[in-house]
Amino acid sequence: MMQNRKQNYRDIMRYLYTALNALQLLLGYLLMLIFMTFNVWLCSAVIIGDAIGYFIFFGGPTANQEEEDSHITCN
C-alpha cells in the first residue's frame, strides 16, 4: 500500500518535472527568437529581464557559501 503511494508520487513528480522542462525550453526558444529580431529595445528588454530575474531569484549567497566564508582565515 505504502509502496504504491510512493510510486504514484514519483510518477506525478516525473510528469511535473517533464512539463516544467518543456516550458523552460519553450520560453528559452521564444526569448532567442525575440533576441534574433535585432530590435535594440526588445534585446535590451530580454537582457534587463534576465538580470532582474537573476537578482530576485539567485542574487544572494546560499547558506553554504555564507558558512564557508565565515570559516576563511587570513594567515
PDB file of N, CA and C in Angstrom:
ATOM      1  N   MET A   1       0.824  -1.192   0.000  1.00  0.00           N
ATOM      2  CA  MET A   1       0.000   0.000   0.000  1.00  0.00           C
ATOM      3  C   MET A   1       0.869   1.258   0.000  1.00  0.00           C
ATOM      4  N   MET A   2       1.829   1.332   0.938  1.00  0.00           N
ATOM      5  CA  MET A   2       2.688   2.499   1.039  1.00  0.00           C
ATOM      6  C   MET A   2       3.607   2.601  -0.174  1.00  0.00           C
ATOM      7  N   GLN A   3       4.063   1.467  -0.669  1.00  0.00           N
ATOM      8  CA  GLN A   3       4.934   1.444  -1.844  1.00  0.00           C
ATOM      9  C   GLN A   3       4.199   2.001  -3.061  1.00  0.00           C
ATOM     10  N   ASN A   4       2.914   1.688  -3.176  1.00  0.00           N
ATOM     11  CA  ASN A   4       2.112   2.167  -4.296  1.00  0.00           C
ATOM     12  C   ASN A   4       1.983   3.687  -4.249  1.00  0.00           C
ATOM     13  N   ARG A   5       1.802   4.266  -3.051  1.00  0.00           N
ATOM     14  CA  ARG A   5       1.711   5.719  -2.906  1.00  0.00           C
ATOM     15  C   ARG A   5       3.014   6.391  -3.307  1.00  0.00           C
ATOM     16  N   LYS A   6       4.128   5.811  -2.879  1.00  0.00           N
ATOM     17  CA  LYS A   6       5.434   6.384  -3.226  1.00  0.00           C
ATOM     18  C   LYS A   6       5.646   6.351  -4.734  1.00  0.00           C
ATOM     19  N   GLN A   7       5.241   5.265  -5.356  1.00  0.00           N
ATOM     20  CA  GLN A   7       5.390   5.145  -6.805  1.00  0.00           C
ATOM     21  C   GLN A   7       4.518   6.165  -7.521  1.00  0.00           C
ATOM     22  N   ASN A   8       3.285   6.353  -7.045  1.00  0.00           N
ATOM     23  CA  ASN A   8       2.396   7.347  -7.648  1.00  0.00           C
ATOM     24  C   ASN A   8       2.969   8.749  -7.498  1.00  0.00           C
ATOM     25  N   TYR A   9       3.519   9.048  -6.318  1.00  0.00           N
ATOM     26  CA  TYR A   9       4.132  10.351  -6.078  1.00  0.00           C
ATOM     27  C   TYR A   9       5.314  10.566  -7.024  1.00  0.00           C
ATOM     28  N   ARG A  10       6.142   9.545  -7.187  1.00  0.00           N
ATOM     29  CA  ARG A  10       7.289   9.648  -8.097  1.00  0.00           C
ATOM     30  C   ARG A  10       6.843   9.871  -9.533  1.00  0.00           C
ATOM     31  N   ASP A  11       5.791   9.176  -9.936  1.00  0.00           N
ATOM     32  CA  ASP A  11       5.276   9.347 -11.300  1.00  0.00           C
ATOM     33  C   ASP A  11       4.750  10.762 -11.512  1.00  0.00           C
ATOM     34  N   ILE A  12       4.001  11.278 -10.540  1.00  0.00           N
ATOM     35  CA  ILE A  12       3.468  12.636 -10.653  1.00  0.00           C
ATOM     36  C   ILE A  12       4.608  13.646 -10.721  1.00  0.00           C
ATOM     37  N   MET A  13       5.607  13.491  -9.874  1.00  0.00           N
ATOM     38  CA  MET A  13       6.735  14.418  -9.882  1.00  0.00           C
ATOM     39  C   MET A  13       7.518  14.319 -11.191  1.00  0.00           C
ATOM     40  N   ARG A  14       7.630  13.130 -11.733  1.00  0.00           N
ATOM     41  CA  ARG A  14       8.335  12.956 -13.004  1.00  0.00           C
ATOM     42  C   ARG A  14       7.605  13.690 -14.128  1.00  0.00           C
ATOM     43  N   TYR A  15       6.263  13.571 -14.158  1.00  0.00           N
ATOM     44  CA  TYR A  15       5.474  14.283 -15.168  1.00  0.00           C
ATOM     45  C   TYR A  15       5.570  15.794 -14.968  1.00  0.00           C
ATOM     46  N   LEU A  16       5.552  16.236 -13.708  1.00  0.00           N
ATOM     47  CA  LEU A  16       5.655  17.663 -13.421  1.00  0.00           C
ATOM     48  C   LEU A  16       7.006  18.214 -13.875  1.00  0.00           C
ATOM     49  N   TYR A  17       8.093  17.531 -13.548  1.00  0.00           N
ATOM     50  CA  TYR A  17       9.420  17.978 -13.965  1.00  0.00           C
ATOM     51  C   TYR A  17       9.558  17.966 -15.484  1.00  0.00           C
ATOM     52  N   THR A  18       8.963  16.993 -16.133  1.00  0.00           N
ATOM     53  CA  THR A  18       8.991  16.940 -17.591  1.00  0.00           C
ATOM     54  C   THR A  18       8.254  18.130 -18.189  1.00  0.00           C
ATOM     55  N   ALA A  19       7.081  18.454 -17.639  1.00  0.00           N
ATOM     56  CA  ALA A  19       6.315  19.601 -18.134  1.00  0.00           C
ATOM     57  C   ALA A  19       7.057  20.911 -17.880  1.00  0.00           C
ATOM     58  N   LEU A  20       7.671  21.048 -16.711  1.00  0.00           N
ATOM     59  CA  LEU A  20       8.433  22.265 -16.415  1.00  0.00           C
ATOM     60  C   LEU A  20       9.652  22.397 -17.319  1.00  0.00           C
ATOM     61  N   ASN A  21      10.295  21.297 -17.629  1.00  0.00           N
ATOM     62  CA  ASN A  21      11.438  21.318 -18.530  1.00  0.00           C
ATOM     63  C   ASN A  21      11.010  21.739 -19.932  1.00  0.00           C
ATOM     64  N   ALA A  22       9.871  21.212 -20.392  1.00  0.00           N
ATOM     65  CA  ALA A  22       9.361  21.591 -21.714  1.00  0.00           C
ATOM     66  C   ALA A  22       9.004  23.078 -21.740  1.00  0.00           C
ATOM     67  N   LEU A  23       8.416  23.585 -20.667  1.00  0.00           N
ATOM     68  CA  LEU A  23       8.085  25.002 -20.579  1.00  0.00           C
ATOM     69  C   LEU A  23       9.339  25.866 -20.604  1.00  0.00           C
ATOM     70  N   GLN A  24      10.363  25.452 -19.871  1.00  0.00           N
ATOM     71  CA  GLN A  24      11.626  26.186 -19.863  1.00  0.00           C
ATOM     72  C   GLN A  24      12.260  26.200 -21.252  1.00  0.00           C
ATOM     73  N   LEU A  25      12.220  25.089 -21.937  1.00  0.00           N
ATOM     74  CA  LEU A  25      12.767  25.011 -23.288  1.00  0.00           C
ATOM     75  C   LEU A  25      11.992  25.919 -24.238  1.00  0.00           C
ATOM     76  N   LEU A  26      10.671  25.892 -24.150  1.00  0.00           N
ATOM     77  CA  LEU A  26       9.830  26.745 -24.987  1.00  0.00           C
ATOM     78  C   LEU A  26      10.124  28.221 -24.742  1.00  0.00           C
ATOM     79  N   LEU A  27      10.188  28.616 -23.487  1.00  0.00           N
ATOM     80  CA  LEU A  27      10.475  30.016 -23.177  1.00  0.00           C
ATOM     81  C   LEU A  27      11.865  30.427 -23.649  1.00  0.00           C
ATOM     82  N   GLY A  28      12.829  29.536 -23.521  1.00  0.00           N
ATOM     83  CA  GLY A  28      14.177  29.834 -23.994  1.00  0.00           C
ATOM     84  C   GLY A  28      14.214  30.078 -25.490  1.00  0.00           C
ATOM     85  N   TYR A  29      13.519  29.227 -26.249  1.00  0.00           N
ATOM     86  CA  TYR A  29      13.480  29.411 -27.699  1.00  0.00           C
ATOM     87  C   TYR A  29      12.719  30.678 -28.088  1.00  0.00           C
ATOM     88  N   LEU A  30      11.641  30.988 -27.371  1.00  0.00           N
ATOM     89  CA  LEU A  30      10.903  32.214 -27.659  1.00  0.00           C
ATOM     90  C   LEU A  30      11.764  33.453 -27.388  1.00  0.00           C
ATOM     91  N   LEU A  31      12.521  33.431 -26.287  1.00  0.00           N
ATOM     92  CA  LEU A  31      13.423  34.555 -25.998  1.00  0.00           C
ATOM     93  C   LEU A  31      14.522  34.657 -27.043  1.00  0.00           C
ATOM     94  N   MET A  32      15.005  33.520 -27.526  1.00  0.00           N
ATOM     95  CA  MET A  32      16.023  33.546 -28.571  1.00  0.00           C
ATOM     96  C   MET A  32      15.450  34.160 -29.849  1.00  0.00           C
ATOM     97  N   LEU A  33      14.221  33.800 -30.203  1.00  0.00           N
ATOM     98  CA  LEU A  33      13.602  34.381 -31.393  1.00  0.00           C
ATOM     99  C   LEU A  33      13.388  35.882 -31.242  1.00  0.00           C
ATOM    100  N   ILE A  34      12.986  36.313 -30.042  1.00  0.00           N
ATOM    101  CA  ILE A  34      12.832  37.747 -29.797  1.00  0.00           C
ATOM    102  C   ILE A  34      14.175  38.446 -29.959  1.00  0.00           C
ATOM    103  N   PHE A  35      15.224  37.861 -29.408  1.00  0.00           N
ATOM    104  CA  PHE A  35      16.554  38.465 -29.490  1.00  0.00           C
ATOM    105  C   PHE A  35      17.044  38.511 -30.937  1.00  0.00           C
ATOM    106  N   MET A  36      16.681  37.515 -31.731  1.00  0.00           N
ATOM    107  CA  MET A  36      17.160  37.452 -33.113  1.00  0.00           C
ATOM    108  C   MET A  36      16.438  38.426 -34.040  1.00  0.00           C
ATOM    109  N   THR A  37      15.459  39.163 -33.529  1.00  0.00           N
ATOM    110  CA  THR A  37      14.856  40.223 -34.339  1.00  0.00           C
ATOM    111  C   THR A  37      15.816  41.392 -34.488  1.00  0.00           C
ATOM    112  N   PHE A  38      16.836  41.450 -33.635  1.00  0.00           N
ATOM    113  CA  PHE A  38      17.848  42.513 -33.614  1.00  0.00           C
ATOM    114  C   PHE A  38      17.236  43.884 -33.379  1.00  0.00           C
ATOM    115  N   ASN A  39      16.071  43.897 -32.737  1.00  0.00           N
ATOM    116  CA  ASN A  39      15.474  45.146 -32.298  1.00  0.00           C
ATOM    117  C   ASN A  39      16.145  45.517 -30.980  1.00  0.00           C
ATOM    118  N   VAL A  40      16.755  46.693 -30.937  1.00  0.00           N
ATOM    119  CA  VAL A  40      17.538  47.087 -29.767  1.00  0.00           C
ATOM    120  C   VAL A  40      16.679  47.092 -28.508  1.00  0.00           C
ATOM    121  N   TRP A  41      15.443  47.572 -28.613  1.00  0.00           N
ATOM    122  CA  TRP A  41      14.590  47.665 -27.432  1.00  0.00           C
ATOM    123  C   TRP A  41      14.170  46.282 -26.946  1.00  0.00           C
ATOM    124  N   LEU A  42      13.867  45.382 -27.846  1.00  0.00           N
ATOM    125  CA  LEU A  42      13.494  44.031 -27.430  1.00  0.00           C
ATOM    126  C   LEU A  42      14.689  43.278 -26.856  1.00  0.00           C
ATOM    127  N   CYS A  43      15.860  43.438 -27.485  1.00  0.00           N
ATOM    128  CA  CYS A  43      17.074  42.791 -26.955  1.00  0.00           C
ATOM    129  C   CYS A  43      17.399  43.332 -25.569  1.00  0.00           C
ATOM    130  N   SER A  44      17.254  44.641 -25.395  1.00  0.00           N
ATOM    131  CA  SER A  44      17.503  45.246 -24.085  1.00  0.00           C
ATOM    132  C   SER A  44      16.524  44.711 -23.048  1.00  0.00           C
ATOM    133  N   ALA A  45      15.266  44.566 -23.445  1.00  0.00           N
ATOM    134  CA  ALA A  45      14.255  44.047 -22.517  1.00  0.00           C
ATOM    135  C   ALA A  45      14.584  42.620 -22.082  1.00  0.00           C
ATOM    136  N   VAL A  46      15.066  41.796 -23.004  1.00  0.00           N
ATOM    137  CA  VAL A  46      15.444  40.424 -22.663  1.00  0.00           C
ATOM    138  C   VAL A  46      16.619  40.428 -21.683  1.00  0.00           C
ATOM    139  N   ILE A  47      17.622  41.239 -21.946  1.00  0.00           N
ATOM    140  CA  ILE A  47      18.807  41.285 -21.076  1.00  0.00           C
ATOM    141  C   ILE A  47      18.451  41.829 -19.702  1.00  0.00           C
ATOM    142  N   ILE A  48      17.689  42.927 -19.666  1.00  0.00           N
ATOM    143  CA  ILE A  48      17.310  43.515 -18.381  1.00  0.00           C
ATOM    144  C   ILE A  48      16.403  42.566 -17.604  1.00  0.00           C
ATOM    145  N   GLY A  49      15.479  41.914 -18.282  1.00  0.00           N
ATOM    146  CA  GLY A  49      14.617  40.944 -17.616  1.00  0.00           C
ATOM    147  C   GLY A  49      15.398  39.779 -17.041  1.00  0.00           C
ATOM    148  N   ASP A  50      16.400  39.324 -17.763  1.00  0.00           N
ATOM    149  CA  ASP A  50      17.243  38.237 -17.268  1.00  0.00           C
ATOM    150  C   ASP A  50      18.026  38.687 -16.038  1.00  0.00           C
ATOM    151  N   ALA A  51      18.547  39.900 -16.082  1.00  0.00           N
ATOM    152  CA  ALA A  51      19.318  40.418 -14.944  1.00  0.00           C
ATOM    153  C   ALA A  51      18.431  40.587 -13.713  1.00  0.00           C
ATOM    154  N   ILE A  52      17.237  41.122 -13.891  1.00  0.00           N
ATOM    155  CA  ILE A  52      16.321  41.295 -12.763  1.00  0.00           C
ATOM    156  C   ILE A  52      15.896  39.938 -12.199  1.00  0.00           C
ATOM    157  N   GLY A  53      15.609  38.982 -13.079  1.00  0.00           N
ATOM    158  CA  GLY A  53      15.250  37.648 -12.622  1.00  0.00           C
ATOM    159  C   GLY A  53      16.375  36.981 -11.846  1.00  0.00           C
ATOM    160  N   TYR A  54      17.607  37.152 -12.310  1.00  0.00           N
ATOM    161  CA  TYR A  54      18.754  36.587 -11.591  1.00  0.00           C
ATOM    162  C   TYR A  54      18.892  37.247 -10.226  1.00  0.00           C
ATOM    163  N   PHE A  55      18.734  38.569 -10.185  1.00  0.00           N
ATOM    164  CA  PHE A  55      18.877  39.292  -8.920  1.00  0.00           C
ATOM    165  C   PHE A  55      17.816  38.850  -7.918  1.00  0.00           C
ATOM    166  N   ILE A  56      16.583  38.683  -8.377  1.00  0.00           N
ATOM    167  CA  ILE A  56      15.492  38.326  -7.470  1.00  0.00           C
ATOM    168  C   ILE A  56      15.609  36.886  -6.985  1.00  0.00           C
ATOM    169  N   PHE A  57      15.888  35.951  -7.897  1.00  0.00           N
ATOM    170  CA  PHE A  57      15.832  34.543  -7.535  1.00  0.00           C
ATOM    171  C   PHE A  57      17.170  33.919  -7.161  1.00  0.00           C
ATOM    172  N   PHE A  58      18.292  34.424  -7.694  1.00  0.00           N
ATOM    173  CA  PHE A  58      19.588  33.789  -7.447  1.00  0.00           C
ATOM    174  C   PHE A  58      20.655  34.773  -7.016  1.00  0.00           C
ATOM    175  N   GLY A  59      20.297  35.984  -6.684  1.00  0.00           N
ATOM    176  CA  GLY A  59      21.276  37.036  -6.440  1.00  0.00           C
ATOM    177  C   GLY A  59      22.088  36.894  -5.174  1.00  0.00           C
ATOM    178  N   GLY A  60      21.525  36.327  -4.135  1.00  0.00           N
ATOM    179  CA  GLY A  60      22.219  36.271  -2.857  1.00  0.00           C
ATOM    180  C   GLY A  60      23.022  34.997  -2.680  1.00  0.00           C
ATOM    181  N   PRO A  61      23.966  35.035  -1.753  1.00  0.00           N
ATOM    182  CA  PRO A  61      24.733  33.816  -1.481  1.00  0.00           C
ATOM    183  C   PRO A  61      23.852  32.782  -0.786  1.00  0.00           C
ATOM    184  N   THR A  62      24.173  31.540  -0.990  1.00  0.00           N
ATOM    185  CA  THR A  62      23.435  30.472  -0.329  1.00  0.00           C
ATOM    186  C   THR A  62      23.921  30.335   1.103  1.00  0.00           C
ATOM    187  N   ALA A  63      23.203  29.581   1.903  1.00  0.00           N
ATOM    188  CA  ALA A  63      23.589  29.380   3.303  1.00  0.00           C
ATOM    189  C   ALA A  63      24.946  28.702   3.387  1.00  0.00           C
ATOM    190  N   ASN A  64      25.215  27.765   2.473  1.00  0.00           N
ATOM    191  CA  ASN A  64      26.501  27.067   2.496  1.00  0.00           C
ATOM    192  C   ASN A  64      27.647  28.019   2.191  1.00  0.00           C
ATOM    193  N   GLN A  65      27.448  28.948   1.274  1.00  0.00           N
ATOM    194  CA  GLN A  65      28.506  29.900   0.943  1.00  0.00           C
ATOM    195  C   GLN A  65      28.786  30.821   2.118  1.00  0.00           C
ATOM    196  N   GLU A  66      27.752  31.242   2.841  1.00  0.00           N
ATOM    197  CA  GLU A  66      27.953  32.103   4.000  1.00  0.00           C
ATOM    198  C   GLU A  66      28.737  31.379   5.086  1.00  0.00           C
ATOM    199  N   GLU A  67      28.439  30.098   5.309  1.00  0.00           N
ATOM    200  CA  GLU A  67      29.161  29.325   6.304  1.00  0.00           C
ATOM    201  C   GLU A  67      30.616  29.152   5.900  1.00  0.00           C
ATOM    202  N   GLU A  68      30.864  28.868   4.619  1.00  0.00           N
ATOM    203  CA  GLU A  68      32.233  28.698   4.155  1.00  0.00           C
ATOM    204  C   GLU A  68      33.010  30.000   4.266  1.00  0.00           C
ATOM    205  N   ASP A  69      32.372  31.120   3.943  1.00  0.00           N
ATOM    206  CA  ASP A  69      33.055  32.415   4.026  1.00  0.00           C
ATOM    207  C   ASP A  69      33.388  32.777   5.467  1.00  0.00           C
ATOM    208  N   SER A  70      32.562  32.354   6.426  1.00  0.00           N
ATOM    209  CA  SER A  70      32.825  32.707   7.822  1.00  0.00           C
ATOM    210  C   SER A  70      34.001  31.915   8.390  1.00  0.00           C
ATOM    211  N   HIS A  71      34.394  30.817   7.754  1.00  0.00           N
ATOM    212  CA  HIS A  71      35.487  29.987   8.258  1.00  0.00           C
ATOM    213  C   HIS A  71      36.821  30.341   7.592  1.00  0.00           C
ATOM    214  N   ILE A  72      36.812  31.272   6.681  1.00  0.00           N
ATOM    215  CA  ILE A  72      38.059  31.641   5.993  1.00  0.00           C
ATOM    216  C   ILE A  72      38.900  32.502   6.944  1.00  0.00           C
ATOM    217  N   THR A  73      40.156  32.118   7.090  1.00  0.00           N
ATOM    218  CA  THR A  73      41.055  32.897   7.935  1.00  0.00           C
ATOM    219  C   THR A  73      42.233  33.364   7.105  1.00  0.00           C
ATOM    220  N   CYS A  74      42.770  34.499   7.460  1.00  0.00           N
ATOM    221  CA  CYS A  74      43.955  35.025   6.777  1.00  0.00           C
ATOM    222  C   CYS A  74      45.170  34.743   7.645  1.00  0.00           C
ATOM    223  N   ASN A  75      46.151  34.039   7.104  1.00  0.00           N
ATOM    224  CA  ASN A  75      47.367  33.727   7.848  1.00  0.00           C
ATOM    225  C   ASN A  75      48.536  34.426   7.245  1.00  0.00           C
TER     226      ASN A  75
END
